[in-house]
C-alpha atoms as a PDB file:
ATOM      1  CA  MET A   1      65.307 -25.168  70.306  1.00  0.00           C
ATOM      2  CA  ILE A   2      67.128 -26.159  67.378  1.00  0.00           C
ATOM      3  CA  ILE A   3      68.720 -29.722  67.501  1.00  0.00           C
ATOM      4  CA  ASP A   4      72.119 -30.169  65.605  1.00  0.00           C
ATOM      5  CA  CYS A   5      74.921 -32.529  66.659  1.00  0.00           C
ATOM      6  CA  ASP A   6      77.379 -30.353  64.642  1.00  0.00           C
ATOM      7  CA  ALA A   7      76.420 -27.372  66.959  1.00  0.00           C
ATOM      8  CA  CYS A   8      77.160 -29.259  70.196  1.00  0.00           C
ATOM      9  CA  VAL A   9      80.387 -29.202  72.226  1.00  0.00           C
ATOM     10  CA  MET A  10      79.640 -32.891  73.168  1.00  0.00           C
ATOM     11  CA  ASP A  11      79.637 -34.029  69.473  1.00  0.00           C
ATOM     12  CA  GLY A  12      81.738 -37.275  69.252  1.00  0.00           C
ATOM     13  CA  THR A  13      82.104 -38.036  72.949  1.00  0.00           C
ATOM     14  CA  GLY A  14      80.620 -40.725  75.132  1.00  0.00           C
ATOM     15  CA  ALA A  15      77.643 -38.457  75.896  1.00  0.00           C
ATOM     16  CA  CYS A  16      76.314 -39.169  72.479  1.00  0.00           C
ATOM     17  CA  ALA A  17      75.478 -42.556  73.436  1.00  0.00           C
ATOM     18  CA  ASP A  18      73.032 -41.391  76.036  1.00  0.00           C
ATOM     19  CA  CYS A  19      71.475 -38.506  74.185  1.00  0.00           C
ATOM     20  CA  ILE A  20      68.105 -38.483  72.394  1.00  0.00           C
ATOM     21  CA  VAL A  21      69.414 -35.844  69.728  1.00  0.00           C
ATOM     22  CA  PRO A  22      71.070 -38.567  67.453  1.00  0.00           C
ATOM     23  CA  MET A  23      67.933 -40.374  67.568  1.00  0.00           C
ATOM     24  CA  LEU A  24      65.696 -37.373  66.606  1.00  0.00           C
ATOM     25  CA  LEU A  25      68.091 -36.412  63.910  1.00  0.00           C
ATOM     26  CA  ALA A  26      67.976 -39.978  62.308  1.00  0.00           C
ATOM     27  CA  ALA A  27      64.602 -39.206  61.099  1.00  0.00           C
ATOM     28  CA  THR A  28      65.374 -36.032  59.362  1.00  0.00           C
ATOM     29  CA  GLY A  29      69.021 -36.169  58.487  1.00  0.00           C
ATOM     30  CA  SER A  30      69.422 -32.397  59.314  1.00  0.00           C
ATOM     31  CA  PRO A  31      69.095 -29.813  61.941  1.00  0.00           C
ATOM     32  CA  THR A  32      65.698 -29.844  63.419  1.00  0.00           C
ATOM     33  CA  ARG A  33      63.642 -27.379  65.331  1.00  0.00           C
ATOM     34  CA  ILE A  34      61.564 -28.604  68.083  1.00  0.00           C
ATOM     35  CA  GLY A  35      58.916 -26.549  69.913  1.00  0.00           C
ATOM     36  CA  ASP A  36      58.624 -25.550  73.471  1.00  0.00           C
ATOM     37  CA  ASP A  37      55.917 -28.396  74.007  1.00  0.00           C
ATOM     38  CA  GLU A  38      58.087 -31.134  72.393  1.00  0.00           C
ATOM     39  CA  GLU A  39      61.231 -30.138  74.481  1.00  0.00           C
ATOM     40  CA  LEU A  40      59.026 -30.184  77.636  1.00  0.00           C
ATOM     41  CA  ALA A  41      57.605 -33.480  76.692  1.00  0.00           C
ATOM     42  CA  ILE A  42      61.048 -34.899  76.101  1.00  0.00           C
ATOM     43  CA  ARG A  43      62.459 -33.618  79.491  1.00  0.00           C
ATOM     44  CA  ASN A  44      59.224 -35.136  81.248  1.00  0.00           C
ATOM     45  CA  LEU A  45      59.951 -38.467  79.480  1.00  0.00           C
ATOM     46  CA  SER A  46      63.575 -38.165  80.383  1.00  0.00           C
ATOM     47  CA  GLU A  47      62.998 -37.586  83.910  1.00  0.00           C
ATOM     48  CA  ALA A  48      60.769 -40.440  84.221  1.00  0.00           C
ATOM     49  CA  GLY A  49      63.426 -42.664  82.826  1.00  0.00           C
ATOM     50  CA  LEU A  50      61.644 -43.437  79.487  1.00  0.00           C
ATOM     51  CA  VAL A  51      63.983 -41.860  77.006  1.00  0.00           C
ATOM     52  CA  SER A  52      67.429 -40.610  77.011  1.00  0.00           C
ATOM     53  CA  PRO A  53      67.883 -36.859  77.837  1.00  0.00           C
ATOM     54  CA  ILE A  54      68.702 -33.844  75.673  1.00  0.00           C
ATOM     55  CA  ARG A  55      72.481 -33.691  76.312  1.00  0.00           C
ATOM     56  CA  LEU A  56      72.860 -30.801  73.696  1.00  0.00           C
ATOM     57  CA  VAL A  57      75.578 -28.216  74.782  1.00  0.00           C
ATOM     58  CA  ALA A  58      75.672 -25.159  72.336  1.00  0.00           C
ATOM     59  CA  ARG A  59      78.894 -24.181  70.880  1.00  0.00           C
ATOM     60  CA  GLY A  60      79.866 -20.584  71.165  1.00  0.00           C
ATOM     61  CA  PRO A  61      79.145 -18.379  68.196  1.00  0.00           C
ATOM     62  CA  GLY A  62      80.530 -19.266  64.812  1.00  0.00           C
ATOM     63  CA  ARG A  63      79.494 -22.917  64.721  1.00  0.00           C
ATOM     64  CA  GLY A  64      75.710 -22.558  64.687  1.00  0.00           C
ATOM     65  CA  ALA A  65      73.208 -22.098  67.451  1.00  0.00           C
ATOM     66  CA  ALA A  66      72.078 -25.143  69.326  1.00  0.00           C
ATOM     67  CA  THR A  67      69.358 -23.482  70.904  1.00  0.00           C
ATOM     68  CA  GLY A  68      66.931 -20.882  69.566  1.00  0.00           C
END
Protein backbone atom coordinates (compact mmCIF):
# COMPACT_ATOMS: atom_id res chain seq x y z
CA MET A 1 0.00 0.00 0.00
CA ILE A 2 1.27 3.46 -0.87
CA ILE A 3 0.19 6.03 1.68
CA ASP A 4 -0.07 9.60 0.47
CA CYS A 5 -2.48 12.24 1.77
CA ASP A 6 -2.50 13.96 -1.63
CA ALA A 7 -3.93 10.78 -3.15
CA CYS A 8 -6.77 10.57 -0.62
CA VAL A 9 -10.27 11.95 -1.19
CA MET A 10 -10.49 12.66 2.54
CA ASP A 11 -7.46 15.01 2.49
CA GLY A 12 -8.23 18.24 4.33
CA THR A 13 -11.37 16.91 6.03
CA GLY A 14 -12.10 16.09 9.64
CA ALA A 15 -11.16 12.48 8.97
CA CYS A 16 -7.49 13.49 8.94
CA ALA A 17 -7.57 14.14 12.69
CA ASP A 18 -8.33 10.46 13.31
CA CYS A 19 -6.05 8.90 10.71
CA ILE A 20 -2.64 7.35 11.20
CA VAL A 21 -1.41 8.33 7.71
CA PRO A 22 -0.39 11.94 8.56
CA MET A 23 1.65 10.63 11.49
CA LEU A 24 3.38 8.06 9.29
CA LEU A 25 4.11 10.65 6.59
CA ALA A 26 5.53 13.11 9.13
CA ALA A 27 8.54 10.82 9.50
CA THR A 28 9.31 10.72 5.77
CA GLY A 29 7.74 13.87 4.34
CA SER A 30 6.75 12.04 1.17
CA PRO A 31 4.48 9.22 -0.01
CA THR A 32 5.53 5.98 1.60
CA ARG A 33 5.02 2.34 0.74
CA ILE A 34 4.13 0.01 3.58
CA GLY A 35 4.13 -3.73 3.17
CA ASP A 36 1.30 -6.14 3.81
CA ASP A 37 2.74 -7.07 7.23
CA GLU A 38 2.92 -3.41 8.31
CA GLU A 39 -0.59 -2.73 7.03
CA LEU A 40 -1.93 -5.74 8.95
CA ALA A 41 -0.10 -4.65 12.11
CA ILE A 42 -1.59 -1.14 11.88
CA ARG A 43 -5.07 -2.58 11.31
CA ASN A 44 -4.69 -4.94 14.30
CA LEU A 45 -3.46 -2.11 16.55
CA SER A 46 -6.32 0.07 15.35
CA GLU A 47 -8.93 -2.61 16.03
CA ALA A 48 -7.50 -2.90 19.56
CA GLY A 49 -7.91 0.87 20.00
CA LEU A 50 -4.17 1.51 20.31
CA VAL A 51 -3.66 3.69 17.19
CA SER A 52 -5.83 5.61 14.78
CA PRO A 53 -6.98 3.63 11.73
CA ILE A 54 -5.82 4.02 8.15
CA ARG A 55 -8.63 6.20 6.78
CA LEU A 56 -7.04 6.51 3.34
CA VAL A 57 -9.61 6.54 0.52
CA ALA A 58 -7.96 6.40 -2.89
CA ARG A 59 -8.76 9.07 -5.46
CA GLY A 60 -9.66 7.96 -8.97
CA PRO A 61 -7.05 7.79 -11.75
CA GLY A 62 -5.14 10.97 -12.45
CA ARG A 63 -4.23 12.02 -8.91
CA GLY A 64 -1.98 9.09 -8.04
CA ALA A 65 -2.76 5.74 -6.56
CA ALA A 66 -3.28 5.49 -2.82
CA THR A 67 -3.05 1.73 -2.78
CA GLY A 68 -0.81 -0.55 -4.68
